[in-house]
Amino acid sequence: MKFPDELAPAGCPPRWLLALALAAAPIAAQSDAPPGEQPAIPRPRITQEQIEDGSLTVEQIRAAGLIIFSTPFNKLDGYGDGPMDLGDPVTPGGRPTLQDNGTFLRVNGLDAQTCMECHSVGSNAVVPFRFAVGGVGSSSANAMAGPNQIDVDDSLGQGFAFFNGRYINPPFLFGSGGVELLGREMTAELQRLEGRALRNPGQVVELVTKGVSFGSIVYDADTDTLDTSAVEGVDRNLVVRPFGRKGEFLSVRDFDVGAMQFHFGMQPVELVGARVDDDGDGVIDEVLVGELSALHVFGTNLERPTESDGDAVSRRGAGLFDSIGCAECHQPFLDTRSPVLTYAFPEVPADPQANVYFAADLHAGPAGFELNATGGIRVPLFSDLKRHDMGPGLAESVGGHLDAEFITARLWGVADTAPYLHDGRATTLSEAIELHGGEARGARDAFRALADDQKVALLEFLRTLRTPLTPAADLLETR
């Protein structure tokens, strides 16, 4: 089947056509489409069956995922919510639009048409900034999630503009496959440790995986209860969720399912069901299972960040980074047992190997992770994938015990990814360090105590941590 050039996105390379010249999937009828208009998602659409039957290469699936990542969805695709739900105007599906424009809301989602709008800055360390597919977002791309009150003029007299939602700066996707693989292996180990506790009543079992401690558990046979009160930095079900500023998403797919609804009002079939118009906008099958799988494969096979060659000053800074305590949470690397990331549908949080339908080698493939001594990969992420209390100064105002807790930010690529912290409030690295509180207060105070030349050395070390120069370049070749 030949894919018509006029339906392809501008600059669409031939290898994209390989991924899209597939057996057509059922699509929703658009009887009200104006003459000459059509959905933005190219037809035919990739299906889960095509991915599972092994007829497509990783490259082809990645290319199809890039289409979903970079396509500006329109209302014929199902963009936007349906009629406003007066009983629940906050949850995706029945949100109002700003000034009744019928399309965008901006405060609480419906704030973009494509993933790439918010993930496109490869480096902010150069002027003009360097573009990159899957990069960070500038402060203008911050998501304003979940508010129903914004006090712009401080009528409440609090001395600031109150906002009872989350203000989230978009991170990059580079190296996500390695992070997801770590999360899966850590979860599997924690589940094994839980099993050990259940088999040994009264024994305190330390929850340590890949050198990271998540507290301890103990099973009381008399009451048949598992005491998880000493668990820290992870949910009580011992499932590591390495994505999201709060560590709330199991995988890239888990994030994408929610992002499709929140940002675009695009309803995933795996969430609402096939041929179901859950948001009442007149469109069914807005995001197919296969399209989410392709997006998942694409996002987890982007190149990883790198560390540039340093000099004597930056090498001194690396030693200071460790000696003042930064590396206790920002662990320079974690190792996996395997180089292969498996993909599952549906995903079972406590059982990473359930329902596996595909696998990708993160060493041999485009992600390019280096092998470690045991045959897995080394992931130089500078994080422990654990939530920590960062103190009241950084706390959000949503309400709840997690307001001040954030998963340790991954510092790889930090030289290119200003602004910093969860909401981008810090415009320099020094400012970001100074704003650390709570569990990070000791390292912050140690940084403050450094001599000026030592601070310069530590910052020079951080500036060796770079984003990849040409991520997804093999998918972006011109015709």
Protein backbone atom coordinates (compact mmCIF):
# COMPACT_ATOMS: atom_id res chain seq x y z
CA MET A 1 0.00 0.00 0.00
CA LYS A 2 1.36 3.44 -0.88
CA PHE A 3 0.89 6.21 1.65
CA PRO A 4 -0.23 9.38 -0.19
CA ASP A 5 2.34 12.15 0.14
CA GLU A 6 -0.35 14.76 0.60
CA LEU A 7 -1.46 13.06 3.82
CA ALA A 8 2.03 12.87 5.29
CA PRO A 9 3.30 15.51 7.72
CA ALA A 10 5.62 18.11 6.22
CA GLY A 11 9.12 16.72 5.78
CA CYS A 12 7.91 13.19 6.40
CA PRO A 13 10.85 10.90 5.54
CA PRO A 14 10.48 7.63 3.63
CA ARG A 15 11.05 5.49 6.73
CA TRP A 16 7.96 7.01 8.32
CA LEU A 17 6.01 5.69 5.38
CA LEU A 18 7.22 2.19 6.21
CA ALA A 19 5.65 2.49 9.63
CA LEU A 20 2.41 3.89 8.30
CA ALA A 21 1.86 1.72 5.22
CA LEU A 22 0.03 -0.84 7.31
CA ALA A 23 -3.33 -2.54 7.23
CA ALA A 24 -5.95 0.08 8.01
CA ALA A 25 -7.61 0.11 11.42
CA PRO A 26 -11.28 0.98 11.88
CA ILE A 27 -11.72 4.72 12.32
CA ALA A 28 -14.56 6.83 13.53
CA ALA A 29 -16.88 8.20 10.86
CA GLN A 30 -16.70 11.97 10.48
CA SER A 31 -19.99 12.75 8.81
CA ASP A 32 -19.80 16.40 9.85
CA ALA A 33 -16.28 16.99 8.49
CA PRO A 34 -16.20 20.06 6.24
CA PRO A 35 -15.23 19.43 2.62
CA GLY A 36 -11.48 19.16 2.23
CA GLU A 37 -10.84 18.61 5.96
CA GLN A 38 -9.76 15.44 7.73
CA PRO A 39 -8.28 14.17 11.01
CA ALA A 40 -4.62 15.06 11.55
CA ILE A 41 -3.57 11.53 12.57
CA PRO A 42 -2.51 9.92 9.27
CA ARG A 43 -4.44 6.97 7.94
CA PRO A 44 -4.02 4.03 8.06
CA ARG A 45 -3.42 3.86 11.81
CA ILE A 46 -1.07 1.48 13.57
CA THR A 47 -2.76 -1.23 15.65
CA GLN A 48 -1.71 -3.29 18.65
CA GLU A 49 -2.11 -6.45 16.60
CA GLN A 50 0.48 -5.25 14.09
CA ILE A 51 2.97 -4.59 16.89
CA GLU A 52 2.33 -7.88 18.64
CA ASP A 53 2.58 -10.09 15.55
CA GLY A 54 6.25 -9.17 15.10
CA SER A 55 5.93 -7.87 11.56
CA LEU A 56 7.25 -4.41 12.45
CA THR A 57 10.79 -3.45 13.42
CA VAL A 58 11.62 -1.23 16.36
CA GLU A 59 12.46 1.48 13.85
CA GLN A 60 9.05 1.28 12.22
CA ILE A 61 7.24 1.37 15.54
CA ARG A 62 9.35 4.31 16.70
CA ALA A 63 8.51 6.17 13.51
CA ALA A 64 4.80 5.60 14.05
CA GLY A 65 5.24 6.80 17.64
CA LEU A 66 6.91 9.97 16.44
CA ILE A 67 3.84 10.65 14.30
CA ILE A 68 1.65 10.54 17.42
CA PHE A 69 4.18 12.60 19.38
CA SER A 70 4.38 15.37 16.81
CA THR A 71 0.93 15.48 15.21
CA PRO A 72 -1.15 18.59 16.08
CA PHE A 73 -4.46 16.90 16.86
CA ASN A 74 -7.63 18.56 15.64
CA LYS A 75 -11.29 18.17 16.56
CA LEU A 76 -11.81 15.55 13.87
CA ASP A 77 -9.29 13.40 15.78
CA GLY A 78 -11.28 14.01 18.95
CA TYR A 79 -9.32 16.98 20.29
CA GLY A 80 -11.03 18.65 23.23
CA ASP A 81 -13.73 17.73 25.67
CA GLY A 82 -17.42 17.45 25.00
CA PRO A 83 -20.17 19.43 26.76
CA MET A 84 -19.20 20.89 30.12
CA ASP A 85 -20.00 18.64 33.08
CA LEU A 86 -21.56 20.93 35.68
CA GLY A 87 -21.07 18.25 38.31
CA ASP A 88 -17.33 17.85 37.61
CA PRO A 89 -15.82 20.63 35.49
CA VAL A 90 -12.23 19.73 36.47
CA THR A 91 -11.81 16.11 35.35
CA PRO A 92 -10.96 15.62 31.63
CA GLY A 93 -14.06 14.94 29.58
CA GLY A 94 -16.34 17.73 30.72
CA ARG A 95 -14.14 20.78 31.23
CA PRO A 96 -15.16 24.29 30.19
CA THR A 97 -13.08 26.31 27.74
CA LEU A 98 -11.54 29.69 28.38
CA GLN A 99 -13.91 32.54 27.55
CA ASP A 100 -16.13 29.89 25.95
CA ASN A 101 -13.76 29.62 22.96
CA GLY A 102 -14.81 26.00 22.46
CA THR A 103 -11.27 24.62 22.11
CA PHE A 104 -8.66 25.62 24.67
CA LEU A 105 -8.68 25.97 28.45
CA ARG A 106 -4.98 26.38 29.33
CA VAL A 107 -5.57 26.40 33.10
CA ASN A 108 -6.14 22.70 33.85
CA GLY A 109 -5.27 21.26 30.49
CA LEU A 110 -6.47 21.62 26.92
CA ASP A 111 -3.28 23.63 26.62
CA ALA A 112 -1.53 22.22 23.53
CA GLN A 113 -2.21 20.25 20.36
CA THR A 114 0.90 18.10 20.26
CA CYS A 115 3.40 16.53 22.69
CA MET A 116 6.24 18.26 20.87
CA GLU A 117 4.95 21.73 21.77
CA CYS A 118 6.04 21.15 25.37
CA HIS A 119 8.98 18.78 24.76
CA SER A 120 11.16 20.48 22.16
CA VAL A 121 14.05 22.37 23.77
CA GLY A 122 17.29 20.45 23.41
CA SER A 123 19.45 23.08 25.08
CA ASN A 124 18.76 26.41 26.74
CA ALA A 125 22.50 26.89 27.21
CA VAL A 126 22.83 28.33 23.70
CA VAL A 127 21.17 31.32 22.04
CA PRO A 128 18.89 30.76 20.26
CA PHE A 129 17.96 27.55 22.02
CA ARG A 130 18.67 24.27 20.26
CA PHE A 131 15.60 22.36 19.14
CA ALA A 132 15.32 18.65 19.92
CA VAL A 133 12.48 16.17 19.64
CA GLY A 134 11.66 15.07 23.17
CA GLY A 135 13.37 17.97 24.93
CA VAL A 136 12.31 20.08 27.89
CA GLY A 137 9.73 22.83 27.90
CA SER A 138 10.35 26.47 28.66
CA SER A 139 8.44 28.17 31.47
CA SER A 140 5.74 29.16 28.98
CA ALA A 141 4.97 25.44 28.57
CA ASN A 142 4.33 24.86 32.27
CA ALA A 143 1.21 22.82 32.91
CA MET A 144 -1.28 24.25 35.42
CA ALA A 145 -2.87 21.10 36.76
CA GLY A 146 -6.01 20.72 38.84
CA PRO A 147 -6.82 24.22 40.12
CA ASN A 148 -10.23 25.64 40.84
CA GLN A 149 -8.93 28.79 42.49
CA ILE A 150 -6.36 31.33 41.29
CA ASP A 151 -5.91 34.56 43.22
CA VAL A 152 -3.96 36.60 40.68
CA ASP A 153 -4.29 39.98 42.43
CA ASP A 154 -3.78 38.57 45.94
CA SER A 155 -7.24 39.54 47.09
CA LEU A 156 -6.71 37.00 49.89
CA GLY A 157 -3.86 39.14 51.25
CA GLN A 158 -1.33 36.30 51.47
CA GLY A 159 1.50 38.19 49.83
CA PHE A 160 1.52 36.00 46.72
CA ALA A 161 -0.79 34.83 43.94
CA PHE A 162 -2.49 31.79 45.43
CA PHE A 163 -2.99 28.78 43.15
CA ASN A 164 -4.42 25.52 44.50
CA GLY A 165 -3.09 23.31 41.74
CA ARG A 166 0.23 22.04 40.51
CA TYR A 167 2.51 24.15 38.32
CA ILE A 168 4.70 21.70 36.40
CA ASN A 169 7.65 22.38 34.12
CA PRO A 170 7.92 19.72 31.36
CA PRO A 171 11.04 17.51 31.63
CA PHE A 172 12.82 15.89 28.69
CA LEU A 173 12.26 12.31 27.53
CA PHE A 174 15.90 11.44 26.77
CA GLY A 175 17.05 8.18 28.34
CA SER A 176 13.53 7.30 29.53
CA GLY A 177 13.97 3.66 28.56
CA GLY A 178 16.79 3.20 31.05
CA VAL A 179 14.79 4.93 33.77
CA GLU A 180 11.76 2.73 33.11
CA LEU A 181 13.88 -0.41 33.13
CA LEU A 182 15.36 0.59 36.49
CA GLY A 183 11.89 1.18 37.89
CA ARG A 184 10.68 -2.21 36.72
CA GLU A 185 13.65 -4.04 38.21
CA MET A 186 13.42 -2.12 41.49
CA THR A 187 9.72 -2.92 41.76
CA ALA A 188 10.38 -6.61 41.10
CA GLU A 189 13.01 -6.66 43.86
CA LEU A 190 10.75 -4.86 46.35
CA GLN A 191 7.96 -7.32 45.61
CA ARG A 192 10.38 -10.20 46.31
CA LEU A 193 11.32 -8.58 49.61
CA GLU A 194 7.65 -8.28 50.50
CA GLY A 195 7.30 -12.00 49.81
CA ARG A 196 10.24 -12.66 52.13
CA ALA A 197 8.53 -10.69 54.89
CA LEU A 198 5.29 -12.65 54.45
CA ARG A 199 7.21 -15.93 54.75
CA ASN A 200 9.04 -14.82 57.89
CA PRO A 201 6.62 -13.34 60.43
CA GLY A 202 8.18 -10.92 62.90
CA GLN A 203 11.35 -10.42 60.85
CA VAL A 204 12.12 -6.85 59.87
CA VAL A 205 12.93 -6.86 56.16
CA GLU A 206 15.01 -3.96 54.87
CA LEU A 207 13.73 -2.63 51.55
CA VAL A 208 16.99 -2.05 49.70
CA THR A 209 17.21 -2.32 45.93
CA LYS A 210 20.09 -1.15 43.74
CA GLY A 211 21.65 0.41 46.83
CA VAL A 212 18.60 2.59 47.54
CA SER A 213 16.78 2.14 50.86
CA PHE A 214 13.01 2.48 50.90
CA GLY A 215 12.68 1.73 54.61
CA SER A 216 11.50 -1.59 56.01
CA ILE A 217 8.46 -3.81 56.51
CA VAL A 218 7.46 -6.55 58.96
CA TYR A 219 4.64 -9.08 58.84
CA ASP A 220 2.52 -9.74 61.93
CA ALA A 221 1.11 -13.27 61.65
CA ASP A 222 -1.20 -12.84 64.64
CA THR A 223 -3.12 -10.02 62.97
CA ASP A 224 -2.29 -11.09 59.42
CA THR A 225 -1.12 -7.57 58.59
CA LEU A 226 1.95 -6.23 56.86
CA ASP A 227 3.29 -3.23 58.74
CA THR A 228 4.37 -0.68 56.13
CA SER A 229 4.64 2.27 58.50
CA ALA A 230 8.44 2.37 58.04
CA VAL A 231 8.24 2.47 54.23
CA GLU A 232 9.72 5.68 52.84
CA GLY A 233 10.04 7.34 49.45
CA VAL A 234 7.68 4.95 47.66
CA ASP A 235 4.01 3.97 47.87
CA ARG A 236 3.04 1.38 50.46
CA ASN A 237 2.39 -1.16 47.69
CA LEU A 238 6.16 -1.05 46.97
CA VAL A 239 5.74 -0.13 43.30
CA VAL A 240 8.43 2.25 42.06
CA ARG A 241 6.93 4.88 39.80
CA PRO A 242 9.91 6.70 38.28
CA PHE A 243 8.07 9.29 36.18
CA GLY A 244 6.39 12.52 37.18
CA ARG A 245 7.71 15.10 39.61
CA LYS A 246 6.00 13.23 42.44
CA GLY A 247 6.98 9.77 41.24
CA GLU A 248 3.38 9.00 40.33
CA PHE A 249 3.66 7.26 36.95
CA LEU A 250 4.64 3.63 36.48
CA SER A 251 5.93 3.99 32.92
CA VAL A 252 6.07 6.32 29.95
CA ARG A 253 2.83 4.71 28.78
CA ASP A 254 1.18 5.34 32.13
CA PHE A 255 2.12 9.01 31.83
CA ASP A 256 1.01 9.23 28.20
CA VAL A 257 -2.47 7.87 28.89
CA GLY A 258 -3.14 10.67 31.36
CA ALA A 259 -1.38 13.30 29.28
CA MET A 260 -3.53 12.54 26.25
CA GLN A 261 -6.66 13.26 28.26
CA PHE A 262 -5.31 16.22 30.22
CA HIS A 263 -3.50 18.19 27.55
CA PHE A 264 -5.56 17.35 24.48
CA GLY A 265 -8.87 15.84 25.57
CA MET A 266 -7.90 12.79 23.49
CA GLN A 267 -9.50 9.69 25.00
CA PRO A 268 -7.37 6.49 24.90
CA VAL A 269 -9.31 3.39 23.91
CA GLU A 270 -7.55 1.41 26.64
CA LEU A 271 -9.09 3.74 29.21
CA VAL A 272 -12.60 4.36 27.91
CA GLY A 273 -13.20 1.33 25.70
CA ALA A 274 -13.41 0.72 21.95
CA ARG A 275 -16.04 2.64 19.98
CA VAL A 276 -16.99 4.62 23.08
CA ASP A 277 -17.45 8.40 22.97
CA ASP A 278 -16.64 8.89 26.63
CA ASP A 279 -16.32 12.67 26.51
CA GLY A 280 -19.34 13.24 24.29
CA ASP A 281 -17.49 15.15 21.58
CA GLY A 282 -18.84 13.01 18.74
CA VAL A 283 -15.60 11.08 18.09
CA ILE A 284 -14.80 7.49 19.05
CA ASP A 285 -11.50 5.56 19.12
CA GLU A 286 -9.54 8.77 19.54
CA VAL A 287 -6.23 7.11 20.55
CA LEU A 288 -5.84 3.43 19.68
CA VAL A 289 -4.02 0.94 21.90
CA GLY A 290 -1.45 0.47 19.13
CA GLU A 291 -0.85 4.21 18.92
CA LEU A 292 -0.12 4.40 22.66
CA SER A 293 2.22 1.40 22.29
CA ALA A 294 4.06 3.07 19.42
CA LEU A 295 4.34 6.29 21.44
CA HIS A 296 5.70 4.24 24.36
CA VAL A 297 8.34 2.56 22.20
CA PHE A 298 9.31 5.90 20.67
CA GLY A 299 9.67 7.68 24.01
CA THR A 300 11.74 4.92 25.62
CA ASN A 301 14.13 4.58 22.70
CA LEU A 302 15.29 8.17 22.52
CA GLU A 303 19.01 8.71 23.02
CA ARG A 304 20.36 9.12 26.55
CA PRO A 305 22.03 12.25 27.95
CA THR A 306 25.83 12.30 28.00
CA GLU A 307 28.72 13.63 30.06
CA SER A 308 31.18 15.81 28.18
CA ASP A 309 34.91 15.69 28.73
CA GLY A 310 35.77 17.72 31.79
CA ASP A 311 38.91 19.51 32.90
CA ALA A 312 40.72 19.62 36.20
CA VAL A 313 38.22 22.11 37.60
CA SER A 314 35.14 20.03 36.75
CA ARG A 315 36.83 16.88 38.05
CA ARG A 316 37.41 18.67 41.33
CA GLY A 317 33.75 19.65 41.27
CA ALA A 318 32.72 16.01 40.85
CA GLY A 319 34.58 15.17 44.04
CA LEU A 320 32.89 18.03 45.88
CA PHE A 321 29.48 16.91 44.59
CA ASP A 322 30.07 13.62 46.35
CA SER A 323 31.77 14.90 49.48
CA ILE A 324 29.12 17.48 50.47
CA GLY A 325 26.31 14.93 50.19
CA CYS A 326 24.67 15.70 46.83
CA ALA A 327 25.33 12.17 45.59
CA GLU A 328 23.42 10.61 48.46
CA CYS A 329 20.17 11.31 46.59
CA HIS A 330 21.50 12.32 43.17
CA GLN A 331 23.25 8.97 42.76
CA PRO A 332 25.49 9.26 39.68
CA PHE A 333 24.35 5.93 38.23
CA LEU A 334 22.23 2.87 38.86
CA ASP A 335 22.77 -0.46 37.13
CA THR A 336 20.20 -2.83 35.64
CA ARG A 337 20.49 -6.60 35.44
CA SER A 338 19.32 -6.75 31.83
CA PRO A 339 19.78 -4.43 28.83
CA VAL A 340 16.30 -5.32 27.53
CA LEU A 341 13.22 -3.25 28.28
CA THR A 342 9.96 -5.17 27.94
CA TYR A 343 6.63 -3.61 27.08
CA ALA A 344 3.37 -4.84 28.58
CA PHE A 345 -0.30 -4.31 27.89
CA PRO A 346 -2.19 -4.03 30.05
CA GLU A 347 0.46 -3.10 32.60
CA VAL A 348 0.30 -4.74 36.03
CA PRO A 349 2.11 -2.41 38.48
CA ALA A 350 3.31 -5.09 40.90
CA ASP A 351 4.26 -7.58 38.15
CA PRO A 352 6.44 -5.93 35.49
CA GLN A 353 6.65 -9.16 33.45
CA ALA A 354 2.90 -9.66 33.06
CA ASN A 355 1.37 -9.30 29.57
CA VAL A 356 4.65 -8.57 27.76
CA TYR A 357 4.16 -8.08 24.01
CA PHE A 358 7.42 -6.44 22.84
CA ALA A 359 11.04 -5.86 23.87
CA ALA A 360 13.84 -3.48 22.93
CA ASP A 361 17.59 -3.66 23.57
CA LEU A 362 18.60 -0.37 25.20
CA HIS A 363 22.29 -1.00 24.55
CA ALA A 364 22.24 -2.00 20.89
CA GLY A 365 19.38 0.31 19.93
CA PRO A 366 19.25 4.10 19.55
CA ALA A 367 19.14 4.69 23.34
CA GLY A 368 22.81 3.66 23.36
CA PHE A 369 23.29 2.82 27.03
CA GLU A 370 26.66 1.36 27.97
CA LEU A 371 26.81 -2.17 29.30
CA ASN A 372 27.80 -2.67 32.92
CA ALA A 373 30.04 -5.40 34.30
CA THR A 374 27.16 -7.86 34.76
CA GLY A 375 25.61 -7.53 31.31
CA GLY A 376 22.92 -5.01 32.15
CA ILE A 377 23.16 -1.31 31.38
CA ARG A 378 24.53 1.58 33.39
CA VAL A 379 22.02 4.43 33.70
CA PRO A 380 23.89 7.66 34.66
CA LEU A 381 20.76 9.51 35.76
CA PHE A 382 21.97 11.17 39.00
CA SER A 383 18.88 10.10 40.94
CA ASP A 384 17.76 7.40 43.35
CA LEU A 385 14.16 7.31 41.99
CA LYS A 386 12.91 7.92 45.53
CA ARG A 387 10.61 10.62 46.89
CA HIS A 388 12.09 13.03 49.44
CA ASP A 389 10.67 15.84 51.57
CA MET A 390 12.13 19.04 50.13
CA GLY A 391 10.78 21.35 52.82
CA PRO A 392 7.98 23.92 52.98
CA GLY A 393 9.73 26.38 50.67
CA LEU A 394 9.23 24.11 47.64
CA ALA A 395 5.90 22.62 48.74
CA GLU A 396 2.97 22.79 46.37
CA SER A 397 -0.45 23.96 47.54
CA VAL A 398 -2.64 21.08 46.41
CA GLY A 399 -3.13 19.75 49.92
CA GLY A 400 -1.89 16.39 51.17
CA HIS A 401 1.20 14.70 52.52
CA LEU A 402 2.96 14.76 49.15
CA ASP A 403 2.93 18.56 48.76
CA ALA A 404 6.56 18.83 49.90
CA GLU A 405 7.71 15.48 48.52
CA PHE A 406 9.35 15.12 45.10
CA ILE A 407 11.18 12.30 43.40
CA THR A 408 14.89 13.09 43.20
CA ALA A 409 15.40 15.12 40.03
CA ARG A 410 17.57 13.41 37.44
CA LEU A 411 20.54 15.68 36.85
CA TRP A 412 21.78 14.16 33.60
CA GLY A 413 21.42 16.87 30.94
CA VAL A 414 21.15 19.59 33.59
CA ALA A 415 23.61 21.88 31.77
CA ASP A 416 21.08 22.36 28.99
CA THR A 417 17.75 22.33 30.78
CA ALA A 418 17.17 25.59 32.64
CA PRO A 419 14.87 26.61 34.27
CA TYR A 420 15.17 24.22 37.20
CA LEU A 421 13.09 22.54 39.92
CA HIS A 422 9.60 21.11 39.51
CA ASP A 423 8.02 24.38 38.41
CA GLY A 424 11.02 26.07 36.80
CA ARG A 425 11.27 28.72 39.50
CA ALA A 426 15.08 28.58 39.58
CA THR A 427 16.73 30.22 36.58
CA THR A 428 20.29 29.24 37.56
CA LEU A 429 21.91 26.15 39.05
CA SER A 430 23.04 28.04 42.15
CA GLU A 431 19.50 29.23 42.77
CA ALA A 432 18.19 25.69 42.43
CA ILE A 433 20.68 24.44 45.02
CA GLU A 434 19.90 27.30 47.41
CA LEU A 435 16.19 26.44 47.27
CA HIS A 436 16.77 22.89 48.53
CA GLY A 437 15.28 22.28 51.97
CA GLY A 438 13.90 19.45 54.07
CA GLU A 439 15.95 16.29 53.62
CA ALA A 440 18.30 18.18 51.26
CA ARG A 441 19.04 20.97 53.74
CA GLY A 442 22.36 19.45 54.81
CA ALA A 443 23.75 19.34 51.28
CA ARG A 444 22.46 22.86 50.64
CA ASP A 445 24.20 24.18 53.76
CA ALA A 446 27.39 22.38 52.77
CA PHE A 447 27.24 24.09 49.38
CA ARG A 448 26.80 27.45 51.06
CA ALA A 449 29.89 26.77 53.16
CA LEU A 450 32.12 26.12 50.14
CA ALA A 451 34.69 28.67 49.08
CA ASP A 452 33.88 30.56 45.90
CA ASP A 453 36.35 28.58 43.81
CA GLN A 454 34.84 25.34 45.10
CA LYS A 455 31.33 26.47 44.13
CA VAL A 456 32.63 27.32 40.66
CA ALA A 457 34.19 23.84 40.38
CA LEU A 458 30.97 22.08 41.42
CA LEU A 459 28.93 24.11 38.92
CA GLU A 460 31.48 23.36 36.20
CA PHE A 461 31.01 19.67 36.92
CA LEU A 462 27.23 19.98 36.57
CA ARG A 463 27.75 21.75 33.24
CA THR A 464 29.42 18.62 31.85
CA LEU A 465 26.06 16.82 32.08
CA ARG A 466 24.60 17.41 28.63
CA THR A 467 21.56 16.45 26.58
CA PRO A 468 22.06 14.45 23.35
CA LEU A 469 22.83 16.62 20.33
CA THR A 470 20.61 14.98 17.71
CA PRO A 471 17.95 12.79 19.31
CA ALA A 472 15.74 10.84 16.89
CA ALA A 473 17.95 12.01 14.00
CA ASP A 474 17.46 8.74 12.15
CA LEU A 475 13.71 9.44 12.08
CA LEU A 476 14.12 13.00 10.88
CA GLU A 477 16.19 12.51 7.75
CA THR A 478 14.88 14.52 4.84
CA ARG A 479 13.62 12.90 1.67
